[in-house]
Amino acid sequence: MSIFLSEEIRSFVNDQVSSRGYSTSSEYVCELIRKDYDRQRLRDRLFAGATSPKGAVADADYFERLRSEVREAGPP
């Protein structure tokens, strides 16, 4: 896959790679995509829970278990 980045964005990416310890710009972009994927999955699960019948209490332990499930499932 190829993407076009403006010079300003390319410079930002290169700065992030240098300052945050990434090996390549591809590694940085993949990390951003993984984080976005995880956020989307969590958002979908929260919406499903909000529209489902009343069930378990949504306390801190519940959300930590949910986050663990999302992390374990990983990207498709």
C-alpha atoms as a PDB file:
ATOM      1  CA  MET A   1       0.000   0.000   0.000  1.00  0.00           C
ATOM      2  CA  SER A   2       1.267   3.434  -0.852  1.00  0.00           C
ATOM      3  CA  ILE A   3       0.076   6.717   0.568  1.00  0.00           C
ATOM      4  CA  PHE A   4       0.883  10.303  -0.325  1.00  0.00           C
ATOM      5  CA  LEU A   5       1.811  12.666   2.490  1.00  0.00           C
ATOM      6  CA  SER A   6       2.233  16.395   2.159  1.00  0.00           C
ATOM      7  CA  GLU A   7       5.694  17.678   3.011  1.00  0.00           C
ATOM      8  CA  GLU A   8       4.372  19.084   6.302  1.00  0.00           C
ATOM      9  CA  ILE A   9       2.863  15.731   7.362  1.00  0.00           C
ATOM     10  CA  ARG A  10       5.925  13.819   6.144  1.00  0.00           C
ATOM     11  CA  SER A  11       8.124  16.067   8.290  1.00  0.00           C
ATOM     12  CA  PHE A  12       5.847  15.505  11.301  1.00  0.00           C
ATOM     13  CA  VAL A  13       6.004  11.727  10.815  1.00  0.00           C
ATOM     14  CA  ASN A  14       9.779  11.804  10.511  1.00  0.00           C
ATOM     15  CA  ASP A  15      10.004  13.864  13.713  1.00  0.00           C
ATOM     16  CA  GLN A  16       7.779  11.343  15.515  1.00  0.00           C
ATOM     17  CA  VAL A  17       9.897   8.433  14.287  1.00  0.00           C
ATOM     18  CA  SER A  18      13.057  10.135  15.522  1.00  0.00           C
ATOM     19  CA  SER A  19      11.780  11.395  18.848  1.00  0.00           C
ATOM     20  CA  ARG A  20       9.591   8.482  19.897  1.00  0.00           C
ATOM     21  CA  GLY A  21      11.898   5.576  19.129  1.00  0.00           C
ATOM     22  CA  TYR A  22      10.235   4.067  16.069  1.00  0.00           C
ATOM     23  CA  SER A  23      12.482   2.275  13.601  1.00  0.00           C
ATOM     24  CA  THR A  24      10.633   3.391  10.486  1.00  0.00           C
ATOM     25  CA  SER A  25       7.771   5.613   9.412  1.00  0.00           C
ATOM     26  CA  SER A  26       5.872   2.445   8.540  1.00  0.00           C
ATOM     27  CA  GLU A  27       6.157   1.266  12.151  1.00  0.00           C
ATOM     28  CA  TYR A  28       4.779   4.611  13.360  1.00  0.00           C
ATOM     29  CA  VAL A  29       1.845   4.539  10.927  1.00  0.00           C
ATOM     30  CA  CYS A  30       1.044   0.926  11.829  1.00  0.00           C
ATOM     31  CA  GLU A  31       0.959   1.888  15.515  1.00  0.00           C
ATOM     32  CA  LEU A  32      -1.511   4.691  14.766  1.00  0.00           C
ATOM     33  CA  ILE A  33      -3.703   2.304  12.768  1.00  0.00           C
ATOM     34  CA  ARG A  34      -3.650  -0.310  15.553  1.00  0.00           C
ATOM     35  CA  LYS A  35      -4.664   2.302  18.126  1.00  0.00           C
ATOM     36  CA  ASP A  36      -7.480   3.543  15.911  1.00  0.00           C
ATOM     37  CA  TYR A  37      -8.626  -0.042  15.325  1.00  0.00           C
ATOM     38  CA  ASP A  38      -8.698  -0.675  19.081  1.00  0.00           C
ATOM     39  CA  ARG A  39     -10.664   2.550  19.678  1.00  0.00           C
ATOM     40  CA  GLN A  40     -13.195   1.574  17.016  1.00  0.00           C
ATOM     41  CA  ARG A  41     -13.676  -1.886  18.515  1.00  0.00           C
ATOM     42  CA  LEU A  42     -14.106  -0.427  21.993  1.00  0.00           C
ATOM     43  CA  ARG A  43     -16.562   2.174  20.680  1.00  0.00           C
ATOM     44  CA  ASP A  44     -18.568  -0.559  18.917  1.00  0.00           C
ATOM     45  CA  ARG A  45     -18.702  -2.642  22.080  1.00  0.00           C
ATOM     46  CA  LEU A  46     -19.734   0.335  24.191  1.00  0.00           C
ATOM     47  CA  PHE A  47     -22.521   1.160  21.737  1.00  0.00           C
ATOM     48  CA  ALA A  48     -23.685  -2.464  21.719  1.00  0.00           C
ATOM     49  CA  GLY A  49     -23.721  -2.421  25.504  1.00  0.00           C
ATOM     50  CA  ALA A  50     -25.571   0.886  25.674  1.00  0.00           C
ATOM     51  CA  THR A  51     -28.316  -0.412  23.396  1.00  0.00           C
ATOM     52  CA  SER A  52     -28.626  -3.839  25.010  1.00  0.00           C
ATOM     53  CA  PRO A  53     -30.962  -4.815  27.840  1.00  0.00           C
ATOM     54  CA  LYS A  54     -29.840  -3.859  31.325  1.00  0.00           C
ATOM     55  CA  GLY A  55     -27.268  -6.301  32.628  1.00  0.00           C
ATOM     56  CA  ALA A  56     -24.071  -6.253  34.637  1.00  0.00           C
ATOM     57  CA  VAL A  57     -22.870  -3.151  36.442  1.00  0.00           C
ATOM     58  CA  ALA A  58     -20.399  -1.206  34.299  1.00  0.00           C
ATOM     59  CA  ASP A  59     -17.763  -0.490  36.923  1.00  0.00           C
ATOM     60  CA  ALA A  60     -13.984  -0.077  36.587  1.00  0.00           C
ATOM     61  CA  ASP A  61     -13.394  -3.855  36.672  1.00  0.00           C
ATOM     62  CA  TYR A  62     -15.916  -4.374  33.870  1.00  0.00           C
ATOM     63  CA  PHE A  63     -14.164  -1.849  31.619  1.00  0.00           C
ATOM     64  CA  GLU A  64     -10.733  -3.284  32.379  1.00  0.00           C
ATOM     65  CA  ARG A  65     -11.974  -6.748  31.370  1.00  0.00           C
ATOM     66  CA  LEU A  66     -13.423  -5.241  28.191  1.00  0.00           C
ATOM     67  CA  ARG A  67     -10.132  -3.517  27.348  1.00  0.00           C
ATOM     68  CA  SER A  68      -8.255  -6.782  27.953  1.00  0.00           C
ATOM     69  CA  GLU A  69     -10.582  -8.614  25.567  1.00  0.00           C
ATOM     70  CA  VAL A  70     -10.009  -5.992  22.872  1.00  0.00           C
ATOM     71  CA  ARG A  71      -6.215  -6.137  23.349  1.00  0.00           C
ATOM     72  CA  GLU A  72      -6.211  -9.955  23.235  1.00  0.00           C
ATOM     73  CA  ALA A  73      -8.360 -10.064  20.086  1.00  0.00           C
ATOM     74  CA  GLY A  74      -5.980  -7.749  18.239  1.00  0.00           C
ATOM     75  CA  PRO A  75      -6.424  -6.640  14.642  1.00  0.00           C
ATOM     76  CA  PRO A  76      -8.090  -8.992  12.157  1.00  0.00           C
END
